[in-house]
């Protein structure tokens, strides 16, 4: 089970960083953008590390408090949840 969770987290984080990079490229070209709700949702469903990397690697959404505060808070909540589940498992 742990292996599947780790594979999921790897895939969702890679996907998230790619989407953040794509949205930054779209912003530069002035074309249709990926919604902020979608970007935050990707972090929420496990892509918070990819979101943070994407934000700072591509300098994307780093002036928006809902990202600079929200994404790290999501990551901390995910870490706390993971630790809690681990400790409950014994």
N, C-alpha and C. Protein backbone atom coordinates (compact mmCIF):
# COMPACT_ATOMS: atom_id res chain seq x y z
N UNK A 1 0.82 -1.20 0.00
CA UNK A 1 0.00 0.00 0.00
C UNK A 1 0.86 1.26 0.00
N UNK A 2 1.92 1.25 0.80
CA UNK A 2 2.80 2.41 0.90
C UNK A 2 3.43 2.72 -0.46
N UNK A 3 3.77 1.67 -1.21
CA UNK A 3 4.38 1.88 -2.53
C UNK A 3 3.43 2.63 -3.45
N UNK A 4 2.14 2.29 -3.41
CA UNK A 4 1.16 2.96 -4.27
C UNK A 4 1.00 4.44 -3.88
N UNK A 5 1.04 4.70 -2.61
CA UNK A 5 0.94 6.09 -2.14
C UNK A 5 2.15 6.89 -2.61
N UNK A 6 3.32 6.30 -2.50
CA UNK A 6 4.54 7.00 -2.93
C UNK A 6 4.55 7.24 -4.44
N UNK A 7 4.08 6.25 -5.20
CA UNK A 7 3.98 6.42 -6.66
C UNK A 7 2.99 7.53 -6.99
N UNK A 8 1.83 7.52 -6.31
CA UNK A 8 0.84 8.57 -6.52
C UNK A 8 1.44 9.94 -6.23
N UNK A 9 2.12 10.07 -5.10
CA UNK A 9 2.70 11.36 -4.72
C UNK A 9 3.75 11.82 -5.73
N UNK A 10 4.55 10.89 -6.21
CA UNK A 10 5.54 11.24 -7.22
C UNK A 10 4.87 11.76 -8.49
N UNK A 11 3.86 11.03 -8.95
CA UNK A 11 3.17 11.41 -10.19
C UNK A 11 2.45 12.75 -10.03
N UNK A 12 1.70 12.93 -8.94
CA UNK A 12 0.93 14.17 -8.77
C UNK A 12 1.86 15.36 -8.61
N UNK A 13 3.00 15.18 -7.96
CA UNK A 13 3.94 16.29 -7.81
C UNK A 13 4.64 16.63 -9.12
N UNK A 14 5.00 15.63 -9.90
CA UNK A 14 5.58 15.90 -11.22
C UNK A 14 4.57 16.61 -12.12
N UNK A 15 3.33 16.12 -12.11
CA UNK A 15 2.27 16.75 -12.89
C UNK A 15 2.05 18.19 -12.45
N UNK A 16 2.04 18.43 -11.15
CA UNK A 16 1.80 19.76 -10.62
C UNK A 16 2.90 20.73 -11.04
N UNK A 17 4.16 20.33 -10.92
CA UNK A 17 5.24 21.23 -11.30
C UNK A 17 5.19 21.54 -12.80
N UNK A 18 4.84 20.54 -13.61
CA UNK A 18 4.71 20.77 -15.05
C UNK A 18 3.57 21.74 -15.35
N UNK A 19 2.46 21.61 -14.65
CA UNK A 19 1.32 22.50 -14.89
C UNK A 19 1.63 23.92 -14.44
N UNK A 20 2.33 24.08 -13.32
CA UNK A 20 2.75 25.43 -12.89
C UNK A 20 3.66 26.05 -13.95
N UNK A 21 4.58 25.27 -14.48
CA UNK A 21 5.47 25.76 -15.53
C UNK A 21 4.70 26.13 -16.79
N UNK A 22 3.74 25.30 -17.15
CA UNK A 22 2.92 25.58 -18.32
C UNK A 22 2.10 26.85 -18.13
N UNK A 23 1.54 27.03 -16.94
CA UNK A 23 0.75 28.24 -16.69
C UNK A 23 1.63 29.48 -16.76
N UNK A 24 2.86 29.39 -16.27
CA UNK A 24 3.77 30.54 -16.36
C UNK A 24 4.08 30.85 -17.82
N UNK A 25 4.30 29.82 -18.62
CA UNK A 25 4.56 30.03 -20.05
C UNK A 25 3.35 30.66 -20.74
N UNK A 26 2.15 30.22 -20.34
CA UNK A 26 0.93 30.79 -20.91
C UNK A 26 0.80 32.27 -20.51
N UNK A 27 1.17 32.58 -19.27
CA UNK A 27 1.09 33.97 -18.81
C UNK A 27 2.01 34.86 -19.64
N UNK A 28 3.19 34.36 -19.93
CA UNK A 28 4.15 35.14 -20.73
C UNK A 28 3.64 35.37 -22.15
N UNK A 29 2.94 34.37 -22.69
CA UNK A 29 2.41 34.49 -24.06
C UNK A 29 1.09 35.25 -24.11
N UNK A 30 0.48 35.45 -22.97
CA UNK A 30 -0.79 36.17 -22.93
C UNK A 30 -1.95 35.37 -23.46
N UNK A 31 -1.92 34.05 -23.27
CA UNK A 31 -3.00 33.20 -23.75
C UNK A 31 -3.79 32.65 -22.58
N UNK A 32 -4.80 31.81 -22.88
CA UNK A 32 -5.68 31.21 -21.88
C UNK A 32 -4.86 30.60 -20.77
N UNK A 33 -5.30 30.82 -19.51
CA UNK A 33 -4.55 30.41 -18.32
C UNK A 33 -5.25 29.30 -17.57
N UNK A 34 -4.50 28.62 -16.76
CA UNK A 34 -5.03 27.60 -15.86
C UNK A 34 -5.54 28.34 -14.62
N UNK A 35 -6.72 28.01 -14.15
CA UNK A 35 -7.31 28.76 -13.04
C UNK A 35 -6.52 28.57 -11.76
N UNK A 36 -6.56 29.59 -10.91
CA UNK A 36 -5.90 29.50 -9.61
C UNK A 36 -6.52 28.38 -8.79
N UNK A 37 -7.81 28.17 -8.93
CA UNK A 37 -8.48 27.09 -8.21
C UNK A 37 -7.89 25.73 -8.59
N UNK A 38 -7.61 25.53 -9.87
CA UNK A 38 -7.01 24.28 -10.32
C UNK A 38 -5.60 24.13 -9.76
N UNK A 39 -4.82 25.20 -9.79
CA UNK A 39 -3.46 25.15 -9.26
C UNK A 39 -3.46 24.81 -7.77
N UNK A 40 -4.35 25.41 -7.02
CA UNK A 40 -4.44 25.12 -5.59
C UNK A 40 -4.99 23.71 -5.34
N UNK A 41 -5.92 23.28 -6.17
CA UNK A 41 -6.48 21.94 -6.04
C UNK A 41 -5.40 20.88 -6.22
N UNK A 42 -4.51 21.09 -7.18
CA UNK A 42 -3.41 20.15 -7.39
C UNK A 42 -2.55 20.02 -6.15
N UNK A 43 -2.30 21.16 -5.48
CA UNK A 43 -1.54 21.12 -4.23
C UNK A 43 -2.33 20.35 -3.17
N UNK A 44 -3.61 20.59 -3.12
CA UNK A 44 -4.46 19.97 -2.10
C UNK A 44 -4.54 18.46 -2.23
N UNK A 45 -4.52 17.95 -3.43
CA UNK A 45 -4.65 16.50 -3.63
C UNK A 45 -3.31 15.77 -3.59
N UNK A 46 -2.29 16.45 -3.08
CA UNK A 46 -1.00 15.80 -2.87
C UNK A 46 0.17 16.41 -3.61
N UNK A 47 -0.08 17.41 -4.42
CA UNK A 47 0.99 18.02 -5.20
C UNK A 47 1.59 19.26 -4.58
N UNK A 48 1.55 19.38 -3.28
CA UNK A 48 2.03 20.61 -2.63
C UNK A 48 3.53 20.81 -2.79
N UNK A 49 4.31 19.75 -2.79
CA UNK A 49 5.75 19.91 -3.00
C UNK A 49 6.02 20.38 -4.43
N UNK A 50 5.33 19.78 -5.38
CA UNK A 50 5.46 20.21 -6.78
C UNK A 50 5.00 21.64 -6.98
N UNK A 51 3.94 22.03 -6.25
CA UNK A 51 3.45 23.41 -6.34
C UNK A 51 4.50 24.38 -5.82
N UNK A 52 5.09 24.07 -4.68
CA UNK A 52 6.13 24.95 -4.12
C UNK A 52 7.34 25.03 -5.06
N UNK A 53 7.76 23.88 -5.56
CA UNK A 53 8.88 23.89 -6.50
C UNK A 53 8.55 24.69 -7.75
N UNK A 54 7.35 24.49 -8.28
CA UNK A 54 6.92 25.22 -9.46
C UNK A 54 6.84 26.72 -9.22
N UNK A 55 6.35 27.09 -8.05
CA UNK A 55 6.25 28.51 -7.72
C UNK A 55 7.62 29.18 -7.73
N UNK A 56 8.58 28.55 -7.12
CA UNK A 56 9.88 29.19 -6.98
C UNK A 56 10.82 28.91 -8.14
N UNK A 57 10.68 27.79 -8.81
CA UNK A 57 11.49 27.50 -9.98
C UNK A 57 11.10 28.41 -11.15
N UNK A 58 9.78 28.60 -11.32
CA UNK A 58 9.29 29.41 -12.44
C UNK A 58 8.93 30.84 -12.02
N UNK A 59 9.15 31.18 -10.76
CA UNK A 59 8.77 32.50 -10.22
C UNK A 59 7.31 32.80 -10.56
N UNK A 60 6.47 31.84 -10.20
CA UNK A 60 5.06 31.91 -10.58
C UNK A 60 4.18 31.92 -9.34
N UNK A 61 3.31 32.90 -9.23
CA UNK A 61 2.36 33.06 -8.13
C UNK A 61 3.05 33.39 -6.80
N UNK A 62 4.28 33.88 -6.86
CA UNK A 62 5.02 34.16 -5.63
C UNK A 62 4.63 35.50 -5.00
N UNK A 63 3.77 36.26 -5.66
CA UNK A 63 3.28 37.51 -5.08
C UNK A 63 1.83 37.40 -4.62
N UNK A 64 1.29 36.20 -4.68
CA UNK A 64 -0.10 35.98 -4.29
C UNK A 64 -0.12 35.27 -2.93
N UNK A 65 -0.69 35.93 -1.93
CA UNK A 65 -0.68 35.36 -0.57
C UNK A 65 -1.40 34.01 -0.49
N UNK A 66 -2.44 33.83 -1.31
CA UNK A 66 -3.14 32.54 -1.24
C UNK A 66 -2.23 31.41 -1.68
N UNK A 67 -1.17 31.72 -2.42
CA UNK A 67 -0.20 30.71 -2.80
C UNK A 67 0.99 30.68 -1.85
N UNK A 68 1.55 31.84 -1.52
CA UNK A 68 2.74 31.87 -0.67
C UNK A 68 2.45 31.43 0.76
N UNK A 69 1.22 31.59 1.18
CA UNK A 69 0.81 31.12 2.51
C UNK A 69 0.03 29.81 2.38
N UNK A 70 -0.87 29.75 1.41
CA UNK A 70 -1.76 28.60 1.26
C UNK A 70 -1.05 27.30 0.94
N UNK A 71 -0.14 27.32 -0.02
CA UNK A 71 0.53 26.08 -0.42
C UNK A 71 1.41 25.53 0.72
N UNK A 72 2.22 26.35 1.40
CA UNK A 72 2.96 25.79 2.54
C UNK A 72 2.04 25.27 3.65
N UNK A 73 0.91 25.92 3.87
CA UNK A 73 -0.03 25.43 4.89
C UNK A 73 -0.62 24.08 4.48
N UNK A 74 -0.91 23.93 3.20
CA UNK A 74 -1.40 22.64 2.70
C UNK A 74 -0.34 21.57 2.91
N UNK A 75 0.91 21.90 2.59
CA UNK A 75 2.00 20.94 2.77
C UNK A 75 2.14 20.55 4.25
N UNK A 76 2.10 21.53 5.14
CA UNK A 76 2.21 21.22 6.57
C UNK A 76 1.05 20.33 7.04
N UNK A 77 -0.15 20.61 6.56
CA UNK A 77 -1.31 19.79 6.92
C UNK A 77 -1.14 18.36 6.39
N UNK A 78 -0.60 18.23 5.19
CA UNK A 78 -0.39 16.91 4.62
C UNK A 78 0.68 16.14 5.40
N UNK A 79 1.73 16.83 5.80
CA UNK A 79 2.77 16.18 6.61
C UNK A 79 2.19 15.74 7.95
N UNK A 80 1.43 16.63 8.58
CA UNK A 80 0.81 16.29 9.87
C UNK A 80 -0.12 15.10 9.72
N UNK A 81 -0.90 15.07 8.66
CA UNK A 81 -1.80 13.95 8.42
C UNK A 81 -1.05 12.66 8.18
N UNK A 82 0.03 12.74 7.42
CA UNK A 82 0.84 11.56 7.16
C UNK A 82 1.50 11.02 8.42
N UNK A 83 2.03 11.93 9.24
CA UNK A 83 2.64 11.51 10.50
C UNK A 83 1.59 10.89 11.42
N UNK A 84 0.41 11.50 11.48
CA UNK A 84 -0.67 10.98 12.30
C UNK A 84 -1.06 9.57 11.87
N UNK A 85 -1.21 9.36 10.58
CA UNK A 85 -1.55 8.03 10.08
C UNK A 85 -0.45 7.03 10.38
N UNK A 86 0.78 7.45 10.22
CA UNK A 86 1.91 6.57 10.50
C UNK A 86 1.93 6.15 11.97
N UNK A 87 1.73 7.12 12.86
CA UNK A 87 1.74 6.82 14.29
C UNK A 87 0.57 5.92 14.71
N UNK A 88 -0.58 6.09 14.07
CA UNK A 88 -1.75 5.25 14.38
C UNK A 88 -1.54 3.81 13.92
N UNK A 89 -0.73 3.65 12.88
CA UNK A 89 -0.46 2.30 12.37
C UNK A 89 0.43 1.51 13.31
N UNK A 90 1.13 2.22 14.17
CA UNK A 90 1.98 1.54 15.15
C UNK A 90 3.33 1.41 14.63
